[in-house]
Amino acid sequence: MIAPRVRVVQGLALLSTGALAGAFGYGAANLVPTFNAVPLDMRLSFHAQLMQMNGITMQGAMGISALSALALAAMTRGSARWLAAGAGLLAIASFLITRLGNVPINGRIKEWAVTSAPADHAEILARWEAFNYARTAAAFAAFALLIVLALRRNDPA
């Protein structure tokens, strides 16, 4: 039987990581194509405003995902521990990709929104999109590991 506290932490890990994967997935599937379909000045203004709104919520989701998955790893043993730890590390990876890849470019986009984009803006925006797809993949992989853990027939504790 799985201890109630393990179930609560597992539920939190699933919820937060699923929300993270869903938010990143929505962005990759809907926002990025929309960004690319509108005039550049509109994209820059919307992107800058969106990133301002996303800052706290997305970093919070990444933090809760990582901490809850790592807590679950600490509370379990065997393959359950490895699955939960992998999910936690992937959530950390999504944070690091965001912090080291997307956030610096977001700062530049914010500047461009009030001035103008440089000649190489397309290359920089393509790099932002590559980071976005990488963090989305990391979040989905973390969520998938937690789903596998939740669907296992073995007692993870």
C-alpha atoms as a PDB file:
ATOM      1  CA  MET A   1       0.000   0.000   0.000  1.00  0.00           C
ATOM      2  CA  ILE A   2       1.261   3.445  -0.897  1.00  0.00           C
ATOM      3  CA  ALA A   3       1.532   5.778   2.082  1.00  0.00           C
ATOM      4  CA  PRO A   4      -0.947   8.704   1.984  1.00  0.00           C
ATOM      5  CA  ARG A   5       1.839  11.295   2.101  1.00  0.00           C
ATOM      6  CA  VAL A   6       3.510   9.668  -0.919  1.00  0.00           C
ATOM      7  CA  ARG A   7       0.188   9.794  -2.791  1.00  0.00           C
ATOM      8  CA  VAL A   8      -0.202  13.494  -1.990  1.00  0.00           C
ATOM      9  CA  VAL A   9       3.319  14.315  -3.195  1.00  0.00           C
ATOM     10  CA  GLN A  10       2.823  12.143  -6.270  1.00  0.00           C
ATOM     11  CA  GLY A  11      -0.444  13.954  -7.012  1.00  0.00           C
ATOM     12  CA  LEU A  12       1.229  17.339  -6.629  1.00  0.00           C
ATOM     13  CA  ALA A  13       4.072  16.251  -8.908  1.00  0.00           C
ATOM     14  CA  LEU A  14       1.610  15.024 -11.551  1.00  0.00           C
ATOM     15  CA  LEU A  15      -0.562  18.133 -11.324  1.00  0.00           C
ATOM     16  CA  SER A  16       2.250  20.670 -11.446  1.00  0.00           C
ATOM     17  CA  THR A  17       4.246  18.871 -14.124  1.00  0.00           C
ATOM     18  CA  GLY A  18       1.129  18.320 -16.220  1.00  0.00           C
ATOM     19  CA  ALA A  19       0.266  22.008 -15.930  1.00  0.00           C
ATOM     20  CA  LEU A  20       3.831  22.919 -16.907  1.00  0.00           C
ATOM     21  CA  ALA A  21       3.825  20.598 -19.918  1.00  0.00           C
ATOM     22  CA  GLY A  22       0.391  21.872 -20.919  1.00  0.00           C
ATOM     23  CA  ALA A  23       1.409  25.519 -20.698  1.00  0.00           C
ATOM     24  CA  PHE A  24       4.596  24.968 -22.672  1.00  0.00           C
ATOM     25  CA  GLY A  25       2.736  22.754 -25.134  1.00  0.00           C
ATOM     26  CA  TYR A  26       0.093  25.408 -25.717  1.00  0.00           C
ATOM     27  CA  GLY A  27       2.801  27.959 -26.323  1.00  0.00           C
ATOM     28  CA  ALA A  28       4.664  25.730 -28.770  1.00  0.00           C
ATOM     29  CA  ALA A  29       1.544  24.667 -30.658  1.00  0.00           C
ATOM     30  CA  ASN A  30      -0.358  27.970 -30.684  1.00  0.00           C
ATOM     31  CA  LEU A  31       1.631  31.007 -29.585  1.00  0.00           C
ATOM     32  CA  VAL A  32       4.795  30.421 -31.621  1.00  0.00           C
ATOM     33  CA  PRO A  33       2.921  29.930 -34.914  1.00  0.00           C
ATOM     34  CA  THR A  34       0.838  33.012 -34.105  1.00  0.00           C
ATOM     35  CA  PHE A  35       3.992  35.008 -33.310  1.00  0.00           C
ATOM     36  CA  ASN A  36       5.298  34.040 -36.747  1.00  0.00           C
ATOM     37  CA  ALA A  37       2.051  34.957 -38.528  1.00  0.00           C
ATOM     38  CA  VAL A  38       1.668  38.537 -37.316  1.00  0.00           C
ATOM     39  CA  PRO A  39       3.734  41.641 -38.150  1.00  0.00           C
ATOM     40  CA  LEU A  40       7.002  41.880 -36.229  1.00  0.00           C
ATOM     41  CA  ASP A  41       6.033  44.961 -34.194  1.00  0.00           C
ATOM     42  CA  MET A  42       2.863  43.199 -33.010  1.00  0.00           C
ATOM     43  CA  ARG A  43       4.819  40.068 -32.088  1.00  0.00           C
ATOM     44  CA  LEU A  44       7.390  42.036 -30.130  1.00  0.00           C
ATOM     45  CA  SER A  45       4.792  44.005 -28.163  1.00  0.00           C
ATOM     46  CA  PHE A  46       2.703  40.935 -27.378  1.00  0.00           C
ATOM     47  CA  HIS A  47       5.746  38.781 -26.611  1.00  0.00           C
ATOM     48  CA  ALA A  48       7.168  41.352 -24.194  1.00  0.00           C
ATOM     49  CA  GLN A  49       3.850  41.678 -22.354  1.00  0.00           C
ATOM     50  CA  LEU A  50       3.284  37.920 -22.266  1.00  0.00           C
ATOM     51  CA  MET A  51       6.719  37.243 -20.799  1.00  0.00           C
ATOM     52  CA  GLN A  52       6.085  39.836 -18.087  1.00  0.00           C
ATOM     53  CA  MET A  53       2.888  38.009 -17.121  1.00  0.00           C
ATOM     54  CA  ASN A  54       4.455  34.538 -17.415  1.00  0.00           C
ATOM     55  CA  GLY A  55       7.511  35.262 -15.297  1.00  0.00           C
ATOM     56  CA  ILE A  56       6.131  34.313 -11.913  1.00  0.00           C
ATOM     57  CA  THR A  57       3.594  31.675 -12.941  1.00  0.00           C
ATOM     58  CA  MET A  58       5.894  29.664 -15.177  1.00  0.00           C
ATOM     59  CA  GLN A  59       8.851  29.818 -12.813  1.00  0.00           C
ATOM     60  CA  GLY A  60       6.531  28.788 -10.000  1.00  0.00           C
ATOM     61  CA  ALA A  61       5.249  25.836 -12.021  1.00  0.00           C
ATOM     62  CA  MET A  62       8.799  24.770 -12.851  1.00  0.00           C
ATOM     63  CA  GLY A  63       9.831  25.072  -9.204  1.00  0.00           C
ATOM     64  CA  ILE A  64       6.865  23.125  -7.846  1.00  0.00           C
ATOM     65  CA  SER A  65       7.323  20.467 -10.532  1.00  0.00           C
ATOM     66  CA  ALA A  66      10.995  20.003  -9.731  1.00  0.00           C
ATOM     67  CA  LEU A  67      10.615  20.074  -5.946  1.00  0.00           C
ATOM     68  CA  SER A  68       7.621  17.745  -5.811  1.00  0.00           C
ATOM     69  CA  ALA A  69       9.205  15.212  -8.181  1.00  0.00           C
ATOM     70  CA  LEU A  70      12.477  15.277  -6.230  1.00  0.00           C
ATOM     71  CA  ALA A  71      10.559  14.947  -2.941  1.00  0.00           C
ATOM     72  CA  LEU A  72       8.768  11.948  -4.438  1.00  0.00           C
ATOM     73  CA  ALA A  73      12.151  10.469  -5.371  1.00  0.00           C
ATOM     74  CA  ALA A  74      13.318  10.899  -1.785  1.00  0.00           C
ATOM     75  CA  MET A  75      10.172   9.164  -0.504  1.00  0.00           C
ATOM     76  CA  THR A  76      10.371   6.128  -2.786  1.00  0.00           C
ATOM     77  CA  ARG A  77      12.870   3.441  -3.678  1.00  0.00           C
ATOM     78  CA  GLY A  78      13.918   1.286  -6.599  1.00  0.00           C
ATOM     79  CA  SER A  79      12.719   2.158 -10.077  1.00  0.00           C
ATOM     80  CA  ALA A  80      10.087   4.527  -8.668  1.00  0.00           C
ATOM     81  CA  ARG A  81      12.896   6.630  -7.246  1.00  0.00           C
ATOM     82  CA  TRP A  82      14.656   6.706 -10.624  1.00  0.00           C
ATOM     83  CA  LEU A  83      11.492   7.710 -12.473  1.00  0.00           C
ATOM     84  CA  ALA A  84      10.680  10.489 -10.001  1.00  0.00           C
ATOM     85  CA  ALA A  85      14.285  11.717  -9.927  1.00  0.00           C
ATOM     86  CA  GLY A  86      14.375  11.755 -13.713  1.00  0.00           C
ATOM     87  CA  ALA A  87      11.192  13.813 -13.772  1.00  0.00           C
ATOM     88  CA  GLY A  88      12.662  16.230 -11.238  1.00  0.00           C
ATOM     89  CA  LEU A  89      15.857  16.622 -13.228  1.00  0.00           C
ATOM     90  CA  LEU A  90      13.878  17.220 -16.419  1.00  0.00           C
ATOM     91  CA  ALA A  91      11.836  19.907 -14.649  1.00  0.00           C
ATOM     92  CA  ILE A  92      15.112  21.501 -13.544  1.00  0.00           C
ATOM     93  CA  ALA A  93      16.320  21.263 -17.141  1.00  0.00           C
ATOM     94  CA  SER A  94      13.216  23.138 -18.314  1.00  0.00           C
ATOM     95  CA  PHE A  95      13.992  25.836 -15.759  1.00  0.00           C
ATOM     96  CA  LEU A  96      17.646  26.103 -16.793  1.00  0.00           C
ATOM     97  CA  ILE A  97      16.779  26.218 -20.496  1.00  0.00           C
ATOM     98  CA  THR A  98      14.281  28.971 -19.756  1.00  0.00           C
ATOM     99  CA  ARG A  99      16.575  30.935 -17.466  1.00  0.00           C
ATOM    100  CA  LEU A 100      19.739  30.643 -19.557  1.00  0.00           C
ATOM    101  CA  GLY A 101      18.190  30.514 -23.034  1.00  0.00           C
ATOM    102  CA  ASN A 102      14.775  32.157 -23.280  1.00  0.00           C
ATOM    103  CA  VAL A 103      15.001  34.820 -20.561  1.00  0.00           C
ATOM    104  CA  PRO A 104      18.039  36.671 -21.986  1.00  0.00           C
ATOM    105  CA  ILE A 105      16.358  36.771 -25.391  1.00  0.00           C
ATOM    106  CA  ASN A 106      13.113  37.934 -23.751  1.00  0.00           C
ATOM    107  CA  GLY A 107      15.071  40.884 -22.372  1.00  0.00           C
ATOM    108  CA  ARG A 108      16.225  41.777 -25.863  1.00  0.00           C
ATOM    109  CA  ILE A 109      12.702  41.397 -27.240  1.00  0.00           C
ATOM    110  CA  LYS A 110      11.447  43.760 -24.553  1.00  0.00           C
ATOM    111  CA  GLU A 111      13.988  46.359 -25.711  1.00  0.00           C
ATOM    112  CA  TRP A 112      13.087  45.842 -29.380  1.00  0.00           C
ATOM    113  CA  ALA A 113       9.401  46.378 -28.592  1.00  0.00           C
ATOM    114  CA  VAL A 114      10.138  49.997 -27.646  1.00  0.00           C
ATOM    115  CA  THR A 115      12.964  50.632 -30.133  1.00  0.00           C
ATOM    116  CA  SER A 116      13.463  48.429 -33.187  1.00  0.00           C
ATOM    117  CA  ALA A 117      14.677  44.939 -33.926  1.00  0.00           C
ATOM    118  CA  PRO A 118      18.246  44.488 -35.160  1.00  0.00           C
ATOM    119  CA  ALA A 119      19.057  43.136 -38.612  1.00  0.00           C
ATOM    120  CA  ASP A 120      19.707  39.644 -37.214  1.00  0.00           C
ATOM    121  CA  HIS A 121      16.404  39.510 -35.285  1.00  0.00           C
ATOM    122  CA  ALA A 122      15.126  36.477 -37.245  1.00  0.00           C
ATOM    123  CA  GLU A 123      18.109  34.389 -36.145  1.00  0.00           C
ATOM    124  CA  ILE A 124      17.673  35.464 -32.521  1.00  0.00           C
ATOM    125  CA  LEU A 125      13.937  34.723 -32.575  1.00  0.00           C
ATOM    126  CA  ALA A 126      14.657  31.311 -34.128  1.00  0.00           C
ATOM    127  CA  ARG A 127      17.057  30.622 -31.245  1.00  0.00           C
ATOM    128  CA  TRP A 128      14.301  31.602 -28.774  1.00  0.00           C
ATOM    129  CA  GLU A 129      11.973  29.134 -30.516  1.00  0.00           C
ATOM    130  CA  ALA A 130      14.590  26.355 -30.331  1.00  0.00           C
ATOM    131  CA  PHE A 131      14.961  26.948 -26.585  1.00  0.00           C
ATOM    132  CA  ASN A 132      11.178  26.989 -26.281  1.00  0.00           C
ATOM    133  CA  TYR A 133      10.850  23.603 -28.007  1.00  0.00           C
ATOM    134  CA  ALA A 134      13.653  22.160 -25.841  1.00  0.00           C
ATOM    135  CA  ARG A 135      12.037  23.235 -22.574  1.00  0.00           C
ATOM    136  CA  THR A 136       8.673  21.986 -23.819  1.00  0.00           C
ATOM    137  CA  ALA A 137      10.191  18.579 -24.587  1.00  0.00           C
ATOM    138  CA  ALA A 138      11.816  18.458 -21.145  1.00  0.00           C
ATOM    139  CA  ALA A 139       8.497  19.278 -19.438  1.00  0.00           C
ATOM    140  CA  PHE A 140       6.612  16.666 -21.476  1.00  0.00           C
ATOM    141  CA  ALA A 141       9.263  14.039 -20.726  1.00  0.00           C
ATOM    142  CA  ALA A 142       9.049  14.842 -16.989  1.00  0.00           C
ATOM    143  CA  PHE A 143       5.274  14.498 -17.110  1.00  0.00           C
ATOM    144  CA  ALA A 144       5.540  11.218 -19.036  1.00  0.00           C
ATOM    145  CA  LEU A 145       7.892   9.736 -16.410  1.00  0.00           C
ATOM    146  CA  LEU A 146       5.451  10.653 -13.648  1.00  0.00           C
ATOM    147  CA  ILE A 147       2.571   9.122 -15.605  1.00  0.00           C
ATOM    148  CA  VAL A 148       4.554   5.899 -16.015  1.00  0.00           C
ATOM    149  CA  LEU A 149       5.208   5.924 -12.288  1.00  0.00           C
ATOM    150  CA  ALA A 150       1.545   6.520 -11.477  1.00  0.00           C
ATOM    151  CA  LEU A 151       0.371   3.725 -13.797  1.00  0.00           C
ATOM    152  CA  ARG A 152       2.746   1.097 -12.459  1.00  0.00           C
ATOM    153  CA  ARG A 153       1.170  -1.817 -10.669  1.00  0.00           C
ATOM    154  CA  ASN A 154       4.024  -2.084  -8.172  1.00  0.00           C
ATOM    155  CA  ASP A 155       3.951  -0.226  -4.885  1.00  0.00           C
ATOM    156  CA  PRO A 156       6.415   2.690  -5.392  1.00  0.00           C
ATOM    157  CA  ALA A 157       7.010   3.295  -1.689  1.00  0.00           C
END
